[in-house]
Amino acid sequence: MAVSTRALPLVTRMALTARRAGIWPVMMGLIALFVALPVLTVMVQLFTPAGEVWSHLASTVLPRYLVNTVGLAVGVGIGVLLIGVGTAWLVVMCRFPGQRIFEWALLLPLAVPTYVIAYAYTDFLQFAGPLQTLLRDVFGWGAGDYWFPPVRSLGGAIALLTLVLYPYVYLLTRAAFLEQSVCVLEVGRTLGRGPWRLFGTVAVPLARPAIAGGTALALMETLNEFGAVQFFAVDTFTTGIYRTWFGLGERTAAAQLAGVLLVFVLLLLLLERVSRGRSQYFHTSSRYRELPRYELLGAKRWLALGACALPVLLGFLVPAALLLQMTLTGGDQRFGWPFVGYVFNSVSLAGIAALAAVGLAVVLSYGVRLSQSPIAVAAVRVSAMGYAIPGAVIAVGILIPLGWVDQRLYRLLSGEWGWEVGLILTGTGIALVYAYLVRFLAVAYNAVQASLTKVTPSMDAASRTLGKTPGGTLRQVHAPIMRGSLLAAGILVFVDVMKELPATIILRPFDFTTLAVRSYELASDERLSQSSTAALAIVVVGVLPVILLSRAMQRSRPGQSGRN
């Protein structure tokens, strides 16, 4: 005879609920395997013989890949640290003209893909560009009469990547400064430390984990970069993977290059963890109120204004204006119905990936809430590592196993059943969505987990006393509360997918073009004016989420008055 769960004692009902929750660690383990498969595939390839191709690469181009990759990472790392930490301190702790505008404006370069800013500045700074043409007209110079720094060089790549990637450091560092207790800062002031000594000896050490985290994100994006460094003719591991795979047709050698790059990434993460040692970073006071701001006077206020305005000017306003000018004067000749197809491809892929990423992130977040088992904890850590893996590495790790499955499916369906089928997995958008999920699942998880942790456990207990299953509690209790964060997580993934280039180029189906690919293809053919239309469309899509993200950060500080 069936017995209603509502008639069972409370302890029995909770025991049944806990038993039902056992499915969540299983689902989390499957998600972790889903994310780890491309990485494991690449690592296995390190031990596969590649014949003479690998020895040829090692003796010719591998040293150049190594030097350029390390130089790019070091240069960008220093640049994003200086700009990100300095501007974060100025907007949080100082008062100067435009300070409230710069709170969100300093995030705007985050909406600009690195390859887009490369195209814009190349057109502006090249020999036939408007700047050098103006200099020659004004001073009467000829072709060999003056020196101008080459933009398409390693130094140019470092400068432009720094302008686009410093918001990662600014974002996390500003959040850390906003969370610092007034008491800690006031103690420093009572000891006679001025604003700059307070910055160097108190605020920065307390914000060190956030600074290191932001720098690590910027360096991951640097190692992942393809479009800008390819356009600037700077050979790195990412461009080498693409060239070895498509130029030489050597999958094993390309996978081994990806494995070497993956080792670089893992060493970078390990170095950051070891540098922390046993240090712990806590705020020992719960006293939060609006942070006191230092009123800058005289020349200092204008220096602060310039320090904040320059990254926004060079990282967003100038390239956006250049793209707009190129679009209006030239623009994509296929602007019209063909261009609508590019927009549809980009938006549909980004929308599907965003929905799937948020769904998987909810499973991971809620699974950890229900079960703190070693499987659940390990699954979350594995699932979050995808963001640290360059898109080219993920693409290689996906093509190998999915290509093997496609071959078996073709033999089965065509050979035994007589069905005429093509490549089901690697010949469609399935492989692309898979790569996006592996790459950006961590972005969605961080947003969802931050929201779920704010839901008091008493709500779960109350729901269980009413006979709700964990799934029912998630749908009817948690989901309505987290609606805003779920939307924010989806928007972040959507914007990231719209900008993604390395994995999209490698995995896209035949005759399938997105805005990012369209912009890259035209720029690669030196048709910069035509590439500006697709590039500008990507920038426009990314601006609004960045502004909303900044305003949400400002409201997140305990004791904040709500004024902005």
Protein backbone atom coordinates (compact mmCIF):
# COMPACT_ATOMS: atom_id res chain seq x y z
CA MET A 1 0.00 0.00 0.00
CA ALA A 2 1.35 3.40 -0.95
CA VAL A 3 1.99 5.76 1.91
CA SER A 4 2.07 9.52 1.46
CA THR A 5 5.39 11.08 2.41
CA ARG A 6 3.48 13.83 4.20
CA ALA A 7 2.28 11.23 6.75
CA LEU A 8 5.80 10.11 7.62
CA PRO A 9 7.64 11.54 10.64
CA LEU A 10 9.94 14.48 9.97
CA VAL A 11 13.17 12.50 10.54
CA THR A 12 12.04 9.78 8.12
CA ARG A 13 11.12 12.31 5.44
CA MET A 14 14.48 14.05 5.74
CA ALA A 15 16.26 10.68 5.49
CA LEU A 16 14.34 9.94 2.29
CA THR A 17 15.27 13.35 0.93
CA ALA A 18 18.95 12.75 1.72
CA ARG A 19 18.74 9.41 -0.09
CA ARG A 20 17.23 11.08 -3.14
CA ALA A 21 20.04 13.66 -3.02
CA GLY A 22 22.47 10.87 -3.85
CA ILE A 23 21.84 11.46 -7.56
CA TRP A 24 23.39 14.91 -7.40
CA PRO A 25 27.01 13.77 -6.80
CA VAL A 26 26.57 11.35 -9.72
CA MET A 27 25.44 14.17 -12.01
CA MET A 28 28.30 16.34 -10.79
CA GLY A 29 30.77 13.56 -11.54
CA LEU A 30 29.40 13.26 -15.08
CA ILE A 31 29.76 17.03 -15.59
CA ALA A 32 33.35 16.88 -14.34
CA LEU A 33 34.11 14.04 -16.77
CA PHE A 34 32.44 16.05 -19.52
CA VAL A 35 34.77 19.01 -18.83
CA ALA A 36 37.90 16.94 -18.21
CA LEU A 37 37.70 14.81 -21.38
CA PRO A 38 39.36 17.38 -23.71
CA VAL A 39 42.12 18.05 -21.19
CA LEU A 40 42.78 14.34 -20.62
CA THR A 41 42.85 13.79 -24.39
CA VAL A 42 45.51 16.46 -24.85
CA MET A 43 47.62 15.14 -21.98
CA VAL A 44 47.53 11.61 -23.39
CA GLN A 45 48.80 12.92 -26.72
CA LEU A 46 52.01 14.07 -25.02
CA PHE A 47 53.09 10.44 -24.84
CA THR A 48 52.09 9.54 -28.42
CA PRO A 49 54.94 9.36 -30.98
CA ALA A 50 54.66 12.16 -33.53
CA GLY A 51 57.41 11.07 -35.88
CA GLU A 52 59.73 13.62 -37.46
CA VAL A 53 57.21 16.46 -37.32
CA TRP A 54 57.78 17.12 -33.62
CA SER A 55 61.57 17.10 -33.98
CA HIS A 56 61.22 19.52 -36.89
CA LEU A 57 59.05 21.85 -34.81
CA ALA A 58 61.43 21.62 -31.85
CA SER A 59 64.44 22.56 -33.97
CA THR A 60 62.78 25.40 -35.91
CA VAL A 61 59.77 27.18 -34.45
CA LEU A 62 59.41 25.86 -30.90
CA PRO A 63 62.04 28.21 -29.39
CA ARG A 64 60.29 31.17 -31.01
CA TYR A 65 56.92 30.01 -29.68
CA LEU A 66 58.44 29.74 -26.20
CA VAL A 67 60.16 33.13 -26.20
CA ASN A 68 57.16 35.00 -27.61
CA THR A 69 54.66 33.30 -25.28
CA VAL A 70 56.74 33.99 -22.17
CA GLY A 71 57.51 37.56 -23.25
CA LEU A 72 53.85 38.24 -23.97
CA ALA A 73 52.75 36.85 -20.60
CA VAL A 74 55.38 38.79 -18.63
CA GLY A 75 54.70 42.08 -20.42
CA VAL A 76 50.93 41.84 -20.12
CA GLY A 77 51.18 40.70 -16.49
CA ILE A 78 53.16 43.78 -15.51
CA GLY A 79 50.91 46.10 -17.48
CA VAL A 80 47.59 44.84 -16.10
CA LEU A 81 48.96 44.96 -12.55
CA LEU A 82 50.00 48.60 -12.80
CA ILE A 83 46.80 49.81 -14.46
CA GLY A 84 44.30 47.53 -12.71
CA VAL A 85 45.47 47.99 -9.11
CA GLY A 86 46.21 51.71 -9.44
CA THR A 87 42.88 52.67 -10.99
CA ALA A 88 40.95 50.45 -8.54
CA TRP A 89 42.48 52.28 -5.57
CA LEU A 90 41.81 55.69 -7.08
CA VAL A 91 38.09 55.12 -7.78
CA VAL A 92 37.42 53.42 -4.44
CA MET A 93 39.39 55.61 -2.03
CA CYS A 94 39.76 59.02 -3.71
CA ARG A 95 37.57 61.89 -4.85
CA PHE A 96 38.42 63.63 -8.11
CA PRO A 97 36.53 64.86 -11.19
CA GLY A 98 34.74 62.02 -12.98
CA GLN A 99 35.45 59.46 -10.25
CA ARG A 100 31.91 58.02 -10.26
CA ILE A 101 31.91 57.74 -14.05
CA PHE A 102 35.22 55.89 -14.05
CA GLU A 103 33.84 53.32 -11.58
CA TRP A 104 32.01 51.67 -14.49
CA ALA A 105 33.83 53.21 -17.46
CA LEU A 106 37.10 51.46 -16.54
CA LEU A 107 35.34 48.15 -17.24
CA LEU A 108 34.33 49.07 -20.80
CA PRO A 109 37.46 47.61 -22.49
CA LEU A 110 36.25 44.23 -21.22
CA ALA A 111 33.58 44.39 -23.94
CA VAL A 112 36.19 44.76 -26.70
CA PRO A 113 37.69 41.51 -28.08
CA THR A 114 41.47 41.66 -28.28
CA TYR A 115 41.51 40.97 -32.02
CA VAL A 116 39.08 43.86 -32.57
CA ILE A 117 41.33 46.41 -30.90
CA ALA A 118 44.25 45.01 -32.91
CA TYR A 119 42.41 45.61 -36.18
CA ALA A 120 41.35 49.12 -35.17
CA TYR A 121 44.79 50.30 -34.07
CA THR A 122 46.56 48.69 -37.02
CA ASP A 123 44.42 50.68 -39.42
CA PHE A 124 45.01 53.85 -37.39
CA LEU A 125 48.78 53.50 -36.79
CA GLN A 126 50.07 51.81 -39.96
CA PHE A 127 52.19 53.71 -42.51
CA ALA A 128 49.18 54.52 -44.69
CA GLY A 129 46.96 55.21 -41.68
CA PRO A 130 45.60 58.62 -40.69
CA LEU A 131 48.11 59.31 -37.89
CA GLN A 132 51.31 58.79 -39.87
CA THR A 133 49.77 60.47 -42.90
CA LEU A 134 49.01 63.51 -40.75
CA LEU A 135 52.57 63.58 -39.38
CA ARG A 136 54.05 63.46 -42.88
CA ASP A 137 51.73 66.22 -44.10
CA VAL A 138 52.45 68.49 -41.13
CA PHE A 139 56.23 68.08 -40.99
CA GLY A 140 56.89 67.34 -44.66
CA TRP A 141 58.55 64.00 -43.88
CA GLY A 142 59.19 61.29 -46.42
CA ALA A 143 59.05 57.54 -46.05
CA GLY A 144 62.52 57.19 -44.50
CA ASP A 145 62.76 60.49 -42.65
CA TYR A 146 61.28 59.41 -39.32
CA TRP A 147 60.89 56.41 -37.00
CA PHE A 148 57.51 55.20 -35.81
CA PRO A 149 57.06 52.27 -33.41
CA PRO A 150 55.72 49.23 -35.31
CA VAL A 151 52.30 48.24 -34.01
CA ARG A 152 52.48 44.76 -35.52
CA SER A 153 55.17 43.49 -33.18
CA LEU A 154 55.57 41.79 -29.81
CA GLY A 155 55.63 45.18 -28.06
CA GLY A 156 52.49 46.25 -29.89
CA ALA A 157 50.74 43.03 -28.90
CA ILE A 158 51.72 43.52 -25.25
CA ALA A 159 50.41 47.11 -25.23
CA LEU A 160 47.08 46.30 -26.88
CA LEU A 161 46.43 43.16 -24.82
CA THR A 162 47.16 45.15 -21.67
CA LEU A 163 44.57 47.77 -22.64
CA VAL A 164 41.90 45.09 -23.10
CA LEU A 165 42.76 42.74 -20.21
CA TYR A 166 43.50 45.13 -17.31
CA PRO A 167 39.76 45.16 -16.35
CA TYR A 168 40.17 41.61 -14.99
CA VAL A 169 42.58 42.95 -12.35
CA TYR A 170 40.57 46.15 -11.86
CA LEU A 171 37.33 44.21 -11.40
CA LEU A 172 38.54 41.86 -8.67
CA THR A 173 40.82 44.40 -6.97
CA ARG A 174 38.09 47.01 -6.79
CA ALA A 175 35.75 44.41 -5.27
CA ALA A 176 38.42 43.57 -2.68
CA PHE A 177 38.97 47.23 -1.78
CA LEU A 178 35.21 47.75 -1.45
CA GLU A 179 34.98 44.82 0.99
CA GLN A 180 37.75 46.06 3.27
CA SER A 181 36.72 47.17 6.73
CA VAL A 182 36.90 50.82 7.67
CA CYS A 183 38.50 49.80 10.98
CA VAL A 184 41.56 48.34 9.28
CA LEU A 185 42.13 51.51 7.27
CA GLU A 186 41.51 53.78 10.25
CA VAL A 187 44.11 51.91 12.32
CA GLY A 188 46.64 52.56 9.57
CA ARG A 189 45.79 56.26 9.59
CA THR A 190 46.19 56.49 13.36
CA LEU A 191 49.71 55.11 12.92
CA GLY A 192 50.55 58.12 10.75
CA ARG A 193 50.32 56.47 7.37
CA GLY A 194 49.13 58.65 4.53
CA PRO A 195 47.03 57.47 1.61
CA TRP A 196 49.92 56.10 -0.43
CA ARG A 197 51.62 54.26 2.47
CA LEU A 198 48.20 52.94 3.48
CA PHE A 199 47.74 51.73 -0.06
CA GLY A 200 51.09 49.93 -0.18
CA THR A 201 51.25 48.48 3.33
CA VAL A 202 47.62 47.73 4.25
CA ALA A 203 45.18 47.74 1.33
CA VAL A 204 47.29 45.90 -1.25
CA PRO A 205 48.42 43.07 1.09
CA LEU A 206 44.81 42.48 2.15
CA ALA A 207 43.69 42.46 -1.48
CA ARG A 208 46.52 40.19 -2.61
CA PRO A 209 44.35 37.12 -3.39
CA ALA A 210 42.05 39.23 -5.56
CA ILE A 211 45.00 40.89 -7.32
CA ALA A 212 46.63 37.52 -7.97
CA GLY A 213 43.32 36.09 -9.18
CA GLY A 214 42.72 38.95 -11.59
CA THR A 215 46.26 38.75 -12.93
CA ALA A 216 45.91 35.00 -13.40
CA LEU A 217 42.71 35.54 -15.41
CA ALA A 218 44.45 38.12 -17.60
CA LEU A 219 47.38 35.77 -18.17
CA MET A 220 45.02 32.92 -19.06
CA GLU A 221 43.40 35.14 -21.67
CA THR A 222 46.87 36.11 -22.92
CA LEU A 223 47.85 32.48 -23.41
CA ASN A 224 44.49 31.86 -25.07
CA GLU A 225 44.85 34.80 -27.48
CA PHE A 226 44.85 33.93 -31.16
CA GLY A 227 43.36 36.66 -33.37
CA ALA A 228 45.52 39.59 -32.27
CA VAL A 229 48.85 37.73 -32.14
CA GLN A 230 48.13 36.02 -35.46
CA PHE A 231 47.32 39.37 -37.04
CA PHE A 232 50.47 40.92 -35.55
CA ALA A 233 52.59 37.99 -36.84
CA VAL A 234 53.72 37.12 -33.30
CA ASP A 235 54.19 33.34 -33.22
CA THR A 236 52.96 31.80 -29.97
CA PHE A 237 51.85 28.34 -28.93
CA THR A 238 48.24 29.15 -29.83
CA THR A 239 49.07 30.20 -33.39
CA GLY A 240 51.43 27.24 -33.66
CA ILE A 241 48.65 24.81 -32.75
CA TYR A 242 46.41 26.21 -35.47
CA ARG A 243 49.19 26.24 -38.06
CA THR A 244 50.34 22.69 -37.26
CA TRP A 245 46.81 21.31 -37.38
CA PHE A 246 45.55 23.02 -40.54
CA GLY A 247 48.80 23.92 -42.29
CA LEU A 248 50.71 20.67 -41.81
CA GLY A 249 47.72 18.41 -41.16
CA GLU A 250 49.45 16.89 -38.13
CA ARG A 251 46.91 16.30 -35.37
CA THR A 252 49.30 14.53 -33.03
CA ALA A 253 51.94 17.26 -33.22
CA ALA A 254 49.27 19.94 -32.75
CA ALA A 255 47.93 18.09 -29.72
CA GLN A 256 51.43 17.88 -28.28
CA LEU A 257 51.91 21.63 -28.74
CA ALA A 258 48.59 22.05 -26.94
CA GLY A 259 49.87 19.80 -24.18
CA VAL A 260 52.98 21.95 -23.72
CA LEU A 261 50.78 25.04 -23.51
CA LEU A 262 48.57 23.26 -20.97
CA VAL A 263 51.63 22.53 -18.85
CA PHE A 264 52.42 26.27 -18.92
CA VAL A 265 48.93 27.03 -17.64
CA LEU A 266 49.13 24.45 -14.85
CA LEU A 267 52.55 25.75 -13.79
CA LEU A 268 51.15 29.28 -13.69
CA LEU A 269 48.31 28.19 -11.41
CA LEU A 270 50.70 26.19 -9.22
CA LEU A 271 53.09 29.13 -8.94
CA GLU A 272 50.29 31.41 -7.72
CA ARG A 273 49.18 28.81 -5.17
CA VAL A 274 52.72 28.18 -3.87
CA SER A 275 53.47 31.91 -3.62
CA ARG A 276 50.57 32.22 -1.22
CA GLY A 277 52.05 29.57 1.06
CA ARG A 278 50.17 29.26 4.34
CA SER A 279 49.12 32.90 4.36
CA GLN A 280 45.51 33.61 5.26
CA TYR A 281 43.66 36.82 4.46
CA PHE A 282 40.80 37.71 6.80
CA HIS A 283 39.03 40.86 7.87
CA THR A 284 38.85 40.67 11.65
CA SER A 285 36.09 43.23 11.98
CA SER A 286 32.47 43.12 10.93
CA ARG A 287 32.17 46.89 11.10
CA TYR A 288 31.28 48.09 7.62
CA ARG A 289 30.17 51.51 6.61
CA GLU A 290 30.76 53.68 3.58
CA LEU A 291 34.47 54.02 2.91
CA PRO A 292 36.04 57.42 3.55
CA ARG A 293 37.37 58.98 0.38
CA TYR A 294 40.46 61.19 0.17
CA GLU A 295 39.76 64.51 -1.53
CA LEU A 296 42.54 65.05 -4.05
CA LEU A 297 43.59 68.65 -4.51
CA GLY A 298 45.62 70.62 -7.01
CA ALA A 299 47.62 68.71 -9.57
CA LYS A 300 46.89 65.36 -7.91
CA ARG A 301 43.23 65.44 -8.92
CA TRP A 302 44.12 66.02 -12.56
CA LEU A 303 46.78 63.33 -12.47
CA ALA A 304 44.19 60.90 -11.08
CA LEU A 305 41.75 61.98 -13.80
CA GLY A 306 44.38 61.35 -16.46
CA ALA A 307 45.42 58.00 -15.00
CA CYS A 308 41.81 56.74 -15.15
CA ALA A 309 40.87 58.41 -18.42
CA LEU A 310 43.83 57.13 -20.44
CA PRO A 311 42.98 53.38 -20.22
CA VAL A 312 39.32 54.10 -21.08
CA LEU A 313 40.33 56.38 -23.95
CA LEU A 314 42.87 53.99 -25.47
CA GLY A 315 41.14 50.74 -24.53
CA PHE A 316 37.57 51.58 -25.57
CA LEU A 317 36.74 55.06 -26.89
CA VAL A 318 39.46 55.30 -29.57
CA PRO A 319 38.98 51.77 -30.99
CA ALA A 320 35.17 52.11 -30.87
CA ALA A 321 35.39 55.45 -32.70
CA LEU A 322 37.79 53.98 -35.26
CA LEU A 323 35.49 51.01 -35.87
CA LEU A 324 32.49 53.32 -36.25
CA GLN A 325 34.38 55.55 -38.68
CA MET A 326 35.54 52.58 -40.77
CA THR A 327 32.02 51.13 -40.77
CA LEU A 328 30.46 54.38 -41.97
CA THR A 329 33.06 55.04 -44.67
CA GLY A 330 33.55 51.47 -45.84
CA GLY A 331 32.04 48.63 -43.90
CA ASP A 332 31.20 45.08 -44.82
CA GLN A 333 29.96 44.79 -48.40
CA ARG A 334 27.76 41.89 -47.33
CA PHE A 335 25.94 44.03 -44.81
CA GLY A 336 22.29 43.11 -45.30
CA TRP A 337 20.67 39.70 -45.46
CA PRO A 338 23.99 37.77 -45.57
CA PHE A 339 25.13 39.70 -42.49
CA VAL A 340 21.92 38.71 -40.70
CA GLY A 341 23.07 35.11 -41.06
CA TYR A 342 26.33 35.89 -39.24
CA VAL A 343 24.39 37.60 -36.44
CA PHE A 344 21.98 34.66 -36.19
CA ASN A 345 24.84 32.13 -36.01
CA SER A 346 26.59 34.10 -33.28
CA VAL A 347 23.49 34.81 -31.21
CA SER A 348 22.09 31.29 -31.50
CA LEU A 349 25.37 29.65 -30.47
CA ALA A 350 25.85 32.11 -27.61
CA GLY A 351 22.25 31.66 -26.45
CA ILE A 352 22.40 27.86 -26.47
CA ALA A 353 25.78 27.85 -24.70
CA ALA A 354 24.56 30.35 -22.09
CA LEU A 355 21.43 28.33 -21.27
CA ALA A 356 23.37 25.07 -21.06
CA ALA A 357 26.15 26.63 -18.96
CA VAL A 358 23.69 28.10 -16.46
CA GLY A 359 21.88 24.75 -16.21
CA LEU A 360 25.09 22.83 -15.52
CA ALA A 361 26.23 25.52 -13.08
CA VAL A 362 22.98 25.16 -11.13
CA VAL A 363 23.51 21.39 -10.89
CA LEU A 364 27.05 21.88 -9.59
CA SER A 365 26.13 24.63 -7.12
CA TYR A 366 23.09 22.84 -5.73
CA GLY A 367 24.93 19.52 -5.63
CA VAL A 368 27.62 21.03 -3.41
CA ARG A 369 24.90 22.50 -1.18
CA LEU A 370 23.28 19.09 -0.76
CA SER A 371 26.44 17.02 -0.45
CA GLN A 372 29.93 17.97 0.66
CA SER A 373 31.25 14.53 -0.34
CA PRO A 374 34.75 14.27 -1.83
CA ILE A 375 33.16 13.45 -5.20
CA ALA A 376 31.12 16.65 -5.15
CA VAL A 377 34.05 18.84 -4.13
CA ALA A 378 36.38 17.27 -6.70
CA ALA A 379 33.72 17.59 -9.41
CA VAL A 380 33.41 21.33 -8.80
CA ARG A 381 37.17 21.87 -8.94
CA VAL A 382 37.52 19.90 -12.16
CA SER A 383 34.52 21.60 -13.76
CA ALA A 384 35.89 25.06 -12.92
CA MET A 385 39.30 24.47 -14.48
CA GLY A 386 38.06 24.91 -18.06
CA TYR A 387 38.38 28.70 -17.94
CA ALA A 388 42.11 28.30 -17.36
CA ILE A 389 42.50 26.20 -20.52
CA PRO A 390 43.12 28.06 -23.80
CA GLY A 391 40.43 27.67 -26.42
CA ALA A 392 42.86 26.12 -28.94
CA VAL A 393 43.78 23.41 -26.42
CA ILE A 394 40.10 22.66 -25.76
CA ALA A 395 39.39 22.53 -29.49
CA VAL A 396 42.16 20.01 -30.12
CA GLY A 397 41.05 17.93 -27.14
CA ILE A 398 37.49 17.85 -28.47
CA LEU A 399 38.23 17.13 -32.13
CA ILE A 400 40.20 13.97 -31.41
CA PRO A 401 37.56 12.01 -29.39
CA LEU A 402 34.56 13.40 -31.29
CA GLY A 403 36.27 12.67 -34.60
CA TRP A 404 36.78 9.06 -33.49
CA VAL A 405 33.11 8.79 -32.54
CA ASP A 406 32.05 10.35 -35.86
CA GLN A 407 34.05 7.74 -37.78
CA ARG A 408 32.38 4.88 -35.88
CA LEU A 409 28.93 6.40 -36.37
CA TYR A 410 29.53 6.85 -40.10
CA ARG A 411 30.59 3.23 -40.52
CA LEU A 412 27.59 2.04 -38.55
CA LEU A 413 24.91 4.21 -40.15
CA SER A 414 26.27 4.29 -43.70
CA GLY A 415 27.88 0.88 -43.95
CA GLU A 416 25.46 -1.37 -42.07
CA TRP A 417 22.20 0.58 -42.24
CA GLY A 418 22.70 2.34 -45.57
CA TRP A 419 21.97 5.84 -44.24
CA GLU A 420 23.70 8.74 -45.97
CA VAL A 421 25.04 10.82 -43.07
CA GLY A 422 27.83 13.31 -42.65
CA LEU A 423 29.84 14.24 -39.60
CA ILE A 424 27.23 14.33 -36.84
CA LEU A 425 29.38 15.76 -34.04
CA THR A 426 32.38 17.54 -35.56
CA GLY A 427 30.46 18.64 -38.65
CA THR A 428 27.76 20.50 -36.72
CA GLY A 429 27.52 23.06 -33.94
CA ILE A 430 27.60 20.32 -31.28
CA ALA A 431 31.39 20.43 -31.00
CA LEU A 432 31.33 24.23 -30.76
CA VAL A 433 28.77 24.29 -27.95
CA TYR A 434 30.77 21.59 -26.17
CA ALA A 435 33.92 23.74 -26.36
CA TYR A 436 32.06 26.81 -25.08
CA LEU A 437 30.70 24.86 -22.11
CA VAL A 438 34.13 23.53 -21.19
CA ARG A 439 35.66 27.00 -21.53
CA PHE A 440 33.02 29.12 -19.81
CA LEU A 441 31.25 26.84 -17.33
CA ALA A 442 33.36 28.35 -14.53
CA VAL A 443 32.02 31.83 -15.36
CA ALA A 444 28.42 30.69 -14.87
CA TYR A 445 29.27 28.60 -11.80
CA ASN A 446 30.90 31.47 -9.94
CA ALA A 447 27.86 33.71 -10.45
CA VAL A 448 25.33 31.02 -9.50
CA GLN A 449 27.30 29.80 -6.49
CA ALA A 450 27.69 33.32 -5.11
CA SER A 451 23.91 33.77 -5.25
CA LEU A 452 23.04 30.35 -3.84
CA THR A 453 25.27 30.78 -0.78
CA LYS A 454 23.19 33.81 0.24
CA VAL A 455 20.04 31.65 0.55
CA THR A 456 19.70 30.64 4.19
CA PRO A 457 19.71 26.86 4.87
CA SER A 458 16.52 27.28 6.91
CA MET A 459 14.63 27.61 3.62
CA ASP A 460 15.83 24.15 2.60
CA ALA A 461 14.75 22.71 5.93
CA ALA A 462 11.32 24.37 5.70
CA SER A 463 10.84 23.03 2.19
CA ARG A 464 11.76 19.51 3.24
CA THR A 465 9.30 19.57 6.12
CA LEU A 466 6.63 20.21 3.47
CA GLY A 467 7.67 17.08 1.62
CA LYS A 468 9.55 18.75 -1.23
CA THR A 469 12.33 16.84 -2.96
CA PRO A 470 15.69 18.52 -3.58
CA GLY A 471 14.65 19.11 -7.17
CA GLY A 472 11.34 20.59 -6.09
CA THR A 473 13.09 22.85 -3.59
CA LEU A 474 15.44 24.05 -6.30
CA ARG A 475 12.62 24.81 -8.75
CA GLN A 476 10.12 26.37 -6.37
CA VAL A 477 12.30 27.99 -3.68
CA HIS A 478 15.81 28.71 -4.89
CA ALA A 479 15.24 29.46 -8.58
CA PRO A 480 12.87 32.43 -7.97
CA ILE A 481 15.33 33.91 -5.45
CA MET A 482 18.31 33.46 -7.78
CA ARG A 483 16.54 34.70 -10.91
CA GLY A 484 18.68 37.84 -11.17
CA SER A 485 21.97 35.98 -10.70
CA LEU A 486 20.96 33.29 -13.17
CA LEU A 487 20.29 36.02 -15.71
CA ALA A 488 23.64 37.67 -14.94
CA ALA A 489 25.46 34.35 -15.35
CA GLY A 490 23.77 33.78 -18.69
CA ILE A 491 24.66 37.27 -19.91
CA LEU A 492 28.33 36.85 -18.97
CA VAL A 493 28.59 33.54 -20.81
CA PHE A 494 26.69 34.99 -23.77
CA VAL A 495 29.15 37.90 -24.11
CA ASP A 496 32.19 35.62 -23.74
CA VAL A 497 30.92 33.26 -26.43
CA MET A 498 30.23 36.17 -28.79
CA LYS A 499 33.91 37.19 -28.48
CA GLU A 500 35.48 33.70 -28.56
CA LEU A 501 37.71 33.07 -31.58
CA PRO A 502 40.35 30.27 -31.30
CA ALA A 503 37.97 27.36 -30.63
CA THR A 504 35.40 28.77 -33.06
CA ILE A 505 37.88 28.88 -35.94
CA ILE A 506 39.08 25.32 -35.34
CA LEU A 507 35.70 23.67 -34.62
CA ARG A 508 33.19 25.56 -36.76
CA PRO A 509 31.36 23.51 -39.38
CA PHE A 510 32.05 24.07 -43.07
CA ASP A 511 30.48 27.27 -44.43
CA PHE A 512 29.41 28.33 -40.91
CA THR A 513 30.49 31.88 -40.07
CA THR A 514 29.99 33.94 -36.92
CA LEU A 515 30.62 37.63 -36.34
CA ALA A 516 33.99 36.84 -34.75
CA VAL A 517 35.05 34.61 -37.63
CA ARG A 518 33.80 37.09 -40.23
CA SER A 519 35.78 39.90 -38.66
CA TYR A 520 38.91 37.72 -38.43
CA GLU A 521 38.68 36.48 -42.02
CA LEU A 522 38.35 39.97 -43.49
CA ALA A 523 41.13 41.37 -41.30
CA SER A 524 43.41 38.48 -42.28
CA ASP A 525 42.92 39.52 -45.91
CA GLU A 526 43.91 43.10 -44.92
CA ARG A 527 40.34 44.30 -45.50
CA LEU A 528 40.22 46.12 -42.17
CA SER A 529 37.50 48.56 -43.15
CA GLN A 530 35.14 45.72 -44.06
CA SER A 531 35.98 43.75 -40.90
CA SER A 532 34.96 46.74 -38.75
CA THR A 533 31.22 46.07 -39.16
CA ALA A 534 31.28 42.65 -37.50
CA ALA A 535 33.79 43.86 -34.89
CA LEU A 536 31.61 46.84 -33.96
CA ALA A 537 28.57 44.55 -33.61
CA ILE A 538 30.46 42.41 -31.07
CA VAL A 539 31.48 45.49 -29.07
CA VAL A 540 27.92 46.85 -28.95
CA VAL A 541 26.60 43.53 -27.62
CA GLY A 542 29.13 43.50 -24.79
CA VAL A 543 28.80 47.06 -23.47
CA LEU A 544 25.50 46.85 -21.56
CA PRO A 545 26.36 43.73 -19.50
CA VAL A 546 29.66 45.31 -18.47
CA ILE A 547 27.89 48.44 -17.18
CA LEU A 548 25.31 46.38 -15.29
CA LEU A 549 28.10 44.31 -13.76
CA SER A 550 29.85 47.41 -12.44
CA ARG A 551 26.70 48.82 -10.84
CA ALA A 552 25.95 45.47 -9.18
CA MET A 553 29.47 45.50 -7.69
CA GLN A 554 28.95 48.95 -6.17
CA ARG A 555 25.74 47.82 -4.42
CA SER A 556 27.36 44.66 -3.09
CA ARG A 557 29.45 46.26 -0.31
CA PRO A 558 28.04 45.83 3.21
CA GLY A 559 27.07 49.21 4.67
CA GLN A 560 26.91 50.86 1.27
CA SER A 561 24.49 53.74 1.29
CA GLY A 562 23.17 52.92 -2.15
CA ARG A 563 24.32 56.19 -3.68
CA ASN A 564 26.43 55.83 -6.76
